[in-house]
Amino acid sequence: MCDNSDEKKNILIQELKNYKNSEKKFPELLKKYVKENVPDTMEAERFLHEFNESYLKEMNLDDLELLCSFILKKKNIKN
C-alpha cells in the first residue's frame, strides 16, 4: 500500500530526475516551496540564487532523494 506521502515523494523524485536530464530552468516546485516556507524573503532569494540549476545537475540520485525526503518531512511538520 502506498500512502499519500510516498506518492508525493515519488512524484517529486521523478520530477527532479527529469530536471537533472533536461535543460529546463530551476523547478518551479522547489522555488515555490522555499518562498512559502522561508519567512525572510531575502534569505529565500539568497538560497535560490546559491542553489542554482548547475548544483541540481551535479547531484546524484541519492542526493535528489535526500532532498525530496527533507522537503516532504518539513512540509509534513508544517501541516
PDB file of N, CA and C in Angstrom:
ATOM      1  N   MET A   1       0.845  -1.180   0.000  1.00  0.00           N
ATOM      2  CA  MET A   1       0.000   0.000   0.000  1.00  0.00           C
ATOM      3  C   MET A   1       0.889   1.242   0.000  1.00  0.00           C
ATOM      4  N   CYS A   2       0.563   2.187  -0.835  1.00  0.00           N
ATOM      5  CA  CYS A   2       1.358   3.407  -0.986  1.00  0.00           C
ATOM      6  C   CYS A   2       0.571   4.574  -0.399  1.00  0.00           C
ATOM      7  N   ASP A   3       1.087   5.172   0.667  1.00  0.00           N
ATOM      8  CA  ASP A   3       0.360   6.295   1.247  1.00  0.00           C
ATOM      9  C   ASP A   3       0.640   7.573   0.468  1.00  0.00           C
ATOM     10  N   ASN A   4      -0.093   8.616   0.811  1.00  0.00           N
ATOM     11  CA  ASN A   4      -0.006   9.894   0.108  1.00  0.00           C
ATOM     12  C   ASN A   4       1.398  10.478   0.170  1.00  0.00           C
ATOM     13  N   SER A   5       2.073  10.322   1.296  1.00  0.00           N
ATOM     14  CA  SER A   5       3.427  10.845   1.470  1.00  0.00           C
ATOM     15  C   SER A   5       4.403  10.167   0.510  1.00  0.00           C
ATOM     16  N   ASP A   6       4.311   8.847   0.386  1.00  0.00           N
ATOM     17  CA  ASP A   6       5.177   8.119  -0.546  1.00  0.00           C
ATOM     18  C   ASP A   6       4.891   8.522  -1.983  1.00  0.00           C
ATOM     19  N   GLU A   7       3.625   8.713  -2.282  1.00  0.00           N
ATOM     20  CA  GLU A   7       3.245   9.119  -3.639  1.00  0.00           C
ATOM     21  C   GLU A   7       3.830  10.489  -3.975  1.00  0.00           C
ATOM     22  N   LYS A   8       3.722  11.429  -3.036  1.00  0.00           N
ATOM     23  CA  LYS A   8       4.283  12.768  -3.255  1.00  0.00           C
ATOM     24  C   LYS A   8       5.799  12.696  -3.416  1.00  0.00           C
ATOM     25  N   LYS A   9       6.430  11.884  -2.594  1.00  0.00           N
ATOM     26  CA  LYS A   9       7.887  11.727  -2.672  1.00  0.00           C
ATOM     27  C   LYS A   9       8.291  11.177  -4.036  1.00  0.00           C
ATOM     28  N   ASN A  10       7.585  10.152  -4.498  1.00  0.00           N
ATOM     29  CA  ASN A  10       7.910   9.554  -5.790  1.00  0.00           C
ATOM     30  C   ASN A  10       7.700  10.529  -6.939  1.00  0.00           C
ATOM     31  N   ILE A  11       6.649  11.330  -6.865  1.00  0.00           N
ATOM     32  CA  ILE A  11       6.395  12.341  -7.896  1.00  0.00           C
ATOM     33  C   ILE A  11       7.521  13.358  -7.911  1.00  0.00           C
ATOM     34  N   LEU A  12       7.914  13.828  -6.727  1.00  0.00           N
ATOM     35  CA  LEU A  12       8.975  14.827  -6.642  1.00  0.00           C
ATOM     36  C   LEU A  12      10.314  14.248  -7.108  1.00  0.00           C
ATOM     37  N   ILE A  13      10.613  13.020  -6.722  1.00  0.00           N
ATOM     38  CA  ILE A  13      11.851  12.377  -7.171  1.00  0.00           C
ATOM     39  C   ILE A  13      11.858  12.267  -8.694  1.00  0.00           C
ATOM     40  N   GLN A  14      10.736  11.861  -9.267  1.00  0.00           N
ATOM     41  CA  GLN A  14      10.677  11.737 -10.727  1.00  0.00           C
ATOM     42  C   GLN A  14      10.849  13.099 -11.393  1.00  0.00           C
ATOM     43  N   GLU A  15      10.228  14.119 -10.828  1.00  0.00           N
ATOM     44  CA  GLU A  15      10.366  15.458 -11.398  1.00  0.00           C
ATOM     45  C   GLU A  15      11.821  15.923 -11.354  1.00  0.00           C
ATOM     46  N   LEU A  16      12.497  15.669 -10.246  1.00  0.00           N
ATOM     47  CA  LEU A  16      13.892  16.074 -10.133  1.00  0.00           C
ATOM     48  C   LEU A  16      14.799  15.234 -11.040  1.00  0.00           C
ATOM     49  N   LYS A  17      14.485  13.954 -11.224  1.00  0.00           N
ATOM     50  CA  LYS A  17      15.253  13.131 -12.171  1.00  0.00           C
ATOM     51  C   LYS A  17      15.095  13.693 -13.585  1.00  0.00           C
ATOM     52  N   ASN A  18      13.860  14.027 -13.938  1.00  0.00           N
ATOM     53  CA  ASN A  18      13.604  14.597 -15.259  1.00  0.00           C
ATOM     54  C   ASN A  18      14.339  15.916 -15.419  1.00  0.00           C
ATOM     55  N   TYR A  19      14.318  16.718 -14.372  1.00  0.00           N
ATOM     56  CA  TYR A  19      15.011  18.011 -14.413  1.00  0.00           C
ATOM     57  C   TYR A  19      16.508  17.816 -14.607  1.00  0.00           C
ATOM     58  N   LYS A  20      17.058  16.865 -13.893  1.00  0.00           N
ATOM     59  CA  LYS A  20      18.501  16.630 -13.963  1.00  0.00           C
ATOM     60  C   LYS A  20      18.932  16.309 -15.392  1.00  0.00           C
ATOM     61  N   ASN A  21      18.064  15.677 -16.151  1.00  0.00           N
ATOM     62  CA  ASN A  21      18.394  15.273 -17.515  1.00  0.00           C
ATOM     63  C   ASN A  21      17.888  16.249 -18.572  1.00  0.00           C
ATOM     64  N   SER A  22      17.434  17.399 -18.166  1.00  0.00           N
ATOM     65  CA  SER A  22      16.904  18.352 -19.142  1.00  0.00           C
ATOM     66  C   SER A  22      17.624  19.685 -19.042  1.00  0.00           C
ATOM     67  N   GLU A  23      17.268  20.573 -19.914  1.00  0.00           N
ATOM     68  CA  GLU A  23      17.853  21.913 -19.919  1.00  0.00           C
ATOM     69  C   GLU A  23      16.876  22.941 -19.345  1.00  0.00           C
ATOM     70  N   LYS A  24      15.808  22.472 -18.722  1.00  0.00           N
ATOM     71  CA  LYS A  24      14.811  23.388 -18.171  1.00  0.00           C
ATOM     72  C   LYS A  24      15.404  24.229 -17.056  1.00  0.00           C
ATOM     73  N   LYS A  25      14.726  25.322 -16.763  1.00  0.00           N
ATOM     74  CA  LYS A  25      15.148  26.207 -15.679  1.00  0.00           C
ATOM     75  C   LYS A  25      14.819  25.572 -14.327  1.00  0.00           C
ATOM     76  N   PHE A  26      15.256  26.227 -13.275  1.00  0.00           N
ATOM     77  CA  PHE A  26      15.055  25.758 -11.902  1.00  0.00           C
ATOM     78  C   PHE A  26      13.587  25.370 -11.679  1.00  0.00           C
ATOM     79  N   PRO A  27      13.334  24.198 -11.112  1.00  0.00           N
ATOM     80  CA  PRO A  27      11.943  23.731 -10.963  1.00  0.00           C
ATOM     81  C   PRO A  27      11.087  24.696 -10.148  1.00  0.00           C
ATOM     82  N   GLU A  28       9.949  25.005 -10.686  1.00  0.00           N
ATOM     83  CA  GLU A  28       9.027  25.916 -10.013  1.00  0.00           C
ATOM     84  C   GLU A  28       8.576  25.358  -8.661  1.00  0.00           C
ATOM     85  N   LEU A  29       8.476  24.047  -8.563  1.00  0.00           N
ATOM     86  CA  LEU A  29       8.041  23.422  -7.311  1.00  0.00           C
ATOM     87  C   LEU A  29       8.976  23.770  -6.158  1.00  0.00           C
ATOM     88  N   LEU A  30      10.272  23.668  -6.387  1.00  0.00           N
ATOM     89  CA  LEU A  30      11.232  23.967  -5.326  1.00  0.00           C
ATOM     90  C   LEU A  30      11.247  25.456  -5.010  1.00  0.00           C
ATOM     91  N   LYS A  31      11.167  26.288  -6.038  1.00  0.00           N
ATOM     92  CA  LYS A  31      11.105  27.741  -5.818  1.00  0.00           C
ATOM     93  C   LYS A  31       9.904  28.094  -4.956  1.00  0.00           C
ATOM     94  N   LYS A  32       8.756  27.538  -5.311  1.00  0.00           N
ATOM     95  CA  LYS A  32       7.515  27.829  -4.583  1.00  0.00           C
ATOM     96  C   LYS A  32       7.632  27.371  -3.127  1.00  0.00           C
ATOM     97  N   TYR A  33       8.165  26.165  -2.929  1.00  0.00           N
ATOM     98  CA  TYR A  33       8.307  25.638  -1.574  1.00  0.00           C
ATOM     99  C   TYR A  33       9.181  26.547  -0.718  1.00  0.00           C
ATOM    100  N   VAL A  34      10.329  26.955  -1.253  1.00  0.00           N
ATOM    101  CA  VAL A  34      11.255  27.801  -0.494  1.00  0.00           C
ATOM    102  C   VAL A  34      10.599  29.136  -0.171  1.00  0.00           C
ATOM    103  N   LYS A  35       9.957  29.743  -1.150  1.00  0.00           N
ATOM    104  CA  LYS A  35       9.343  31.057  -0.926  1.00  0.00           C
ATOM    105  C   LYS A  35       8.193  30.987   0.069  1.00  0.00           C
ATOM    106  N   GLU A  36       7.464  29.871   0.100  1.00  0.00           N
ATOM    107  CA  GLU A  36       6.344  29.724   1.033  1.00  0.00           C
ATOM    108  C   GLU A  36       6.800  29.383   2.449  1.00  0.00           C
ATOM    109  N   ASN A  37       7.966  28.762   2.589  1.00  0.00           N
ATOM    110  CA  ASN A  37       8.373  28.239   3.891  1.00  0.00           C
ATOM    111  C   ASN A  37       9.546  28.951   4.544  1.00  0.00           C
ATOM    112  N   VAL A  38      10.114  29.925   3.871  1.00  0.00           N
ATOM    113  CA  VAL A  38      11.186  30.715   4.478  1.00  0.00           C
ATOM    114  C   VAL A  38      10.623  32.107   4.724  1.00  0.00           C
ATOM    115  N   PRO A  39      10.433  32.476   6.003  1.00  0.00           N
ATOM    116  CA  PRO A  39       9.791  33.753   6.324  1.00  0.00           C
ATOM    117  C   PRO A  39      10.559  34.976   5.804  1.00  0.00           C
ATOM    118  N   ASP A  40      11.871  34.897   5.795  1.00  0.00           N
ATOM    119  CA  ASP A  40      12.691  36.020   5.351  1.00  0.00           C
ATOM    120  C   ASP A  40      12.858  35.949   3.830  1.00  0.00           C
ATOM    121  N   THR A  41      12.229  36.873   3.125  1.00  0.00           N
ATOM    122  CA  THR A  41      12.252  36.875   1.661  1.00  0.00           C
ATOM    123  C   THR A  41      13.663  36.970   1.112  1.00  0.00           C
ATOM    124  N   MET A  42      14.489  37.803   1.718  1.00  0.00           N
ATOM    125  CA  MET A  42      15.863  37.949   1.238  1.00  0.00           C
ATOM    126  C   MET A  42      16.648  36.648   1.418  1.00  0.00           C
ATOM    127  N   GLU A  43      16.405  35.964   2.534  1.00  0.00           N
ATOM    128  CA  GLU A  43      17.062  34.673   2.788  1.00  0.00           C
ATOM    129  C   GLU A  43      16.628  33.646   1.737  1.00  0.00           C
ATOM    130  N   ALA A  44      15.342  33.615   1.425  1.00  0.00           N
ATOM    131  CA  ALA A  44      14.834  32.685   0.409  1.00  0.00           C
ATOM    132  C   ALA A  44      15.463  32.973  -0.950  1.00  0.00           C
ATOM    133  N   GLU A  45      15.524  34.242  -1.316  1.00  0.00           N
ATOM    134  CA  GLU A  45      16.120  34.613  -2.603  1.00  0.00           C
ATOM    135  C   GLU A  45      17.606  34.245  -2.650  1.00  0.00           C
ATOM    136  N   ARG A  46      18.303  34.464  -1.543  1.00  0.00           N
ATOM    137  CA  ARG A  46      19.726  34.119  -1.492  1.00  0.00           C
ATOM    138  C   ARG A  46      19.920  32.612  -1.655  1.00  0.00           C
ATOM    139  N   PHE A  47      19.089  31.842  -0.963  1.00  0.00           N
ATOM    140  CA  PHE A  47      19.172  30.388  -1.091  1.00  0.00           C
ATOM    141  C   PHE A  47      18.947  29.958  -2.541  1.00  0.00           C
ATOM    142  N   LEU A  48      17.897  30.492  -3.158  1.00  0.00           N
ATOM    143  CA  LEU A  48      17.587  30.112  -4.536  1.00  0.00           C
ATOM    144  C   LEU A  48      18.705  30.516  -5.491  1.00  0.00           C
ATOM    145  N   HIS A  49      19.330  31.650  -5.215  1.00  0.00           N
ATOM    146  CA  HIS A  49      20.436  32.100  -6.061  1.00  0.00           C
ATOM    147  C   HIS A  49      21.637  31.154  -5.926  1.00  0.00           C
ATOM    148  N   GLU A  50      21.945  30.755  -4.682  1.00  0.00           N
ATOM    149  CA  GLU A  50      23.091  29.873  -4.448  1.00  0.00           C
ATOM    150  C   GLU A  50      22.817  28.437  -4.905  1.00  0.00           C
ATOM    151  N   PHE A  51      21.575  28.012  -4.731  1.00  0.00           N
ATOM    152  CA  PHE A  51      21.181  26.646  -5.092  1.00  0.00           C
ATOM    153  C   PHE A  51      20.632  26.685  -6.512  1.00  0.00           C
ATOM    154  N   ASN A  52      21.486  26.999  -7.440  1.00  0.00           N
ATOM    155  CA  ASN A  52      21.024  27.210  -8.810  1.00  0.00           C
ATOM    156  C   ASN A  52      20.982  25.907  -9.589  1.00  0.00           C
ATOM    157  N   GLU A  53      20.593  26.011 -10.830  1.00  0.00           N
ATOM    158  CA  GLU A  53      20.398  24.807 -11.631  1.00  0.00           C
ATOM    159  C   GLU A  53      21.677  24.010 -11.850  1.00  0.00           C
ATOM    160  N   SER A  54      22.828  24.650 -11.819  1.00  0.00           N
ATOM    161  CA  SER A  54      24.061  23.883 -12.007  1.00  0.00           C
ATOM    162  C   SER A  54      24.282  22.919 -10.843  1.00  0.00           C
ATOM    163  N   TYR A  55      23.881  23.320  -9.631  1.00  0.00           N
ATOM    164  CA  TYR A  55      24.012  22.422  -8.478  1.00  0.00           C
ATOM    165  C   TYR A  55      23.130  21.189  -8.663  1.00  0.00           C
ATOM    166  N   LEU A  56      21.890  21.402  -9.089  1.00  0.00           N
ATOM    167  CA  LEU A  56      20.999  20.257  -9.281  1.00  0.00           C
ATOM    168  C   LEU A  56      21.546  19.296 -10.335  1.00  0.00           C
ATOM    169  N   LYS A  57      22.137  19.820 -11.379  1.00  0.00           N
ATOM    170  CA  LYS A  57      22.661  18.950 -12.432  1.00  0.00           C
ATOM    171  C   LYS A  57      23.862  18.135 -11.948  1.00  0.00           C
ATOM    172  N   GLU A  58      24.534  18.585 -10.890  1.00  0.00           N
ATOM    173  CA  GLU A  58      25.679  17.855 -10.348  1.00  0.00           C
ATOM    174  C   GLU A  58      25.273  16.814  -9.309  1.00  0.00           C
ATOM    175  N   MET A  59      24.046  16.879  -8.825  1.00  0.00           N
ATOM    176  CA  MET A  59      23.602  15.961  -7.780  1.00  0.00           C
ATOM    177  C   MET A  59      23.410  14.561  -8.348  1.00  0.00           C
ATOM    178  N   ASN A  60      23.714  13.552  -7.528  1.00  0.00           N
ATOM    179  CA  ASN A  60      23.393  12.193  -7.953  1.00  0.00           C
ATOM    180  C   ASN A  60      21.995  11.842  -7.439  1.00  0.00           C
ATOM    181  N   LEU A  61      21.495  10.683  -7.800  1.00  0.00           N
ATOM    182  CA  LEU A  61      20.120  10.335  -7.455  1.00  0.00           C
ATOM    183  C   LEU A  61      19.921  10.181  -5.951  1.00  0.00           C
ATOM    184  N   ASP A  62      20.942   9.745  -5.224  1.00  0.00           N
ATOM    185  CA  ASP A  62      20.824   9.655  -3.767  1.00  0.00           C
ATOM    186  C   ASP A  62      20.644  11.042  -3.160  1.00  0.00           C
ATOM    187  N   ASP A  63      21.387  12.018  -3.681  1.00  0.00           N
ATOM    188  CA  ASP A  63      21.238  13.396  -3.204  1.00  0.00           C
ATOM    189  C   ASP A  63      19.844  13.921  -3.503  1.00  0.00           C
ATOM    190  N   LEU A  64      19.336  13.615  -4.687  1.00  0.00           N
ATOM    191  CA  LEU A  64      17.991  14.059  -5.055  1.00  0.00           C
ATOM    192  C   LEU A  64      16.950  13.450  -4.120  1.00  0.00           C
ATOM    193  N   GLU A  65      17.118  12.168  -3.809  1.00  0.00           N
ATOM    194  CA  GLU A  65      16.168  11.513  -2.918  1.00  0.00           C
ATOM    195  C   GLU A  65      16.234  12.115  -1.512  1.00  0.00           C
ATOM    196  N   LEU A  66      17.432  12.401  -1.044  1.00  0.00           N
ATOM    197  CA  LEU A  66      17.600  13.024   0.266  1.00  0.00           C
ATOM    198  C   LEU A  66      16.935  14.401   0.299  1.00  0.00           C
ATOM    199  N   LEU A  67      17.118  15.181  -0.750  1.00  0.00           N
ATOM    200  CA  LEU A  67      16.487  16.494  -0.840  1.00  0.00           C
ATOM    201  C   LEU A  67      14.966  16.363  -0.816  1.00  0.00           C
ATOM    202  N   CYS A  68      14.441  15.429  -1.591  1.00  0.00           N
ATOM    203  CA  CYS A  68      12.988  15.212  -1.623  1.00  0.00           C
ATOM    204  C   CYS A  68      12.468  14.814  -0.247  1.00  0.00           C
ATOM    205  N   SER A  69      13.179  13.919   0.391  1.00  0.00           N
ATOM    206  CA  SER A  69      12.778  13.451   1.712  1.00  0.00           C
ATOM    207  C   SER A  69      12.756  14.604   2.711  1.00  0.00           C
ATOM    208  N   PHE A  70      13.777  15.443   2.672  1.00  0.00           N
ATOM    209  CA  PHE A  70      13.854  16.593   3.568  1.00  0.00           C
ATOM    210  C   PHE A  70      12.686  17.547   3.330  1.00  0.00           C
ATOM    211  N   ILE A  71      12.404  17.834   2.072  1.00  0.00           N
ATOM    212  CA  ILE A  71      11.306  18.747   1.735  1.00  0.00           C
ATOM    213  C   ILE A  71       9.986  18.188   2.238  1.00  0.00           C
ATOM    214  N   LEU A  72       9.740  16.904   2.007  1.00  0.00           N
ATOM    215  CA  LEU A  72       8.479  16.307   2.434  1.00  0.00           C
ATOM    216  C   LEU A  72       8.354  16.265   3.951  1.00  0.00           C
ATOM    217  N   LYS A  73       9.440  15.969   4.654  1.00  0.00           N
ATOM    218  CA  LYS A  73       9.396  15.963   6.119  1.00  0.00           C
ATOM    219  C   LYS A  73       9.058  17.349   6.648  1.00  0.00           C
ATOM    220  N   LYS A  74       9.708  18.381   6.097  1.00  0.00           N
ATOM    221  CA  LYS A  74       9.438  19.751   6.539  1.00  0.00           C
ATOM    222  C   LYS A  74       7.996  20.128   6.236  1.00  0.00           C
ATOM    223  N   LYS A  75       7.511  19.727   5.081  1.00  0.00           N
ATOM    224  CA  LYS A  75       6.143  20.050   4.676  1.00  0.00           C
ATOM    225  C   LYS A  75       5.149  19.368   5.614  1.00  0.00           C
ATOM    226  N   ASN A  76       5.402  18.109   5.962  1.00  0.00           N
ATOM    227  CA  ASN A  76       4.502  17.376   6.849  1.00  0.00           C
ATOM    228  C   ASN A  76       4.503  17.949   8.257  1.00  0.00           C
ATOM    229  N   ILE A  77       5.625  18.463   8.716  1.00  0.00           N
ATOM    230  CA  ILE A  77       5.702  19.068  10.044  1.00  0.00           C
ATOM    231  C   ILE A  77       4.843  20.324  10.097  1.00  0.00           C
ATOM    232  N   LYS A  78       4.823  21.084   9.013  1.00  0.00           N
ATOM    233  CA  LYS A  78       4.088  22.342   8.987  1.00  0.00           C
ATOM    234  C   LYS A  78       2.593  22.136   8.835  1.00  0.00           C
ATOM    235  N   ASN A  79       2.146  20.982   8.307  1.00  0.00           N
ATOM    236  CA  ASN A  79       0.714  20.740   8.091  1.00  0.00           C
ATOM    237  C   ASN A  79       0.044  20.198   9.314  1.00  0.00           C
TER     238      ASN A  79
END
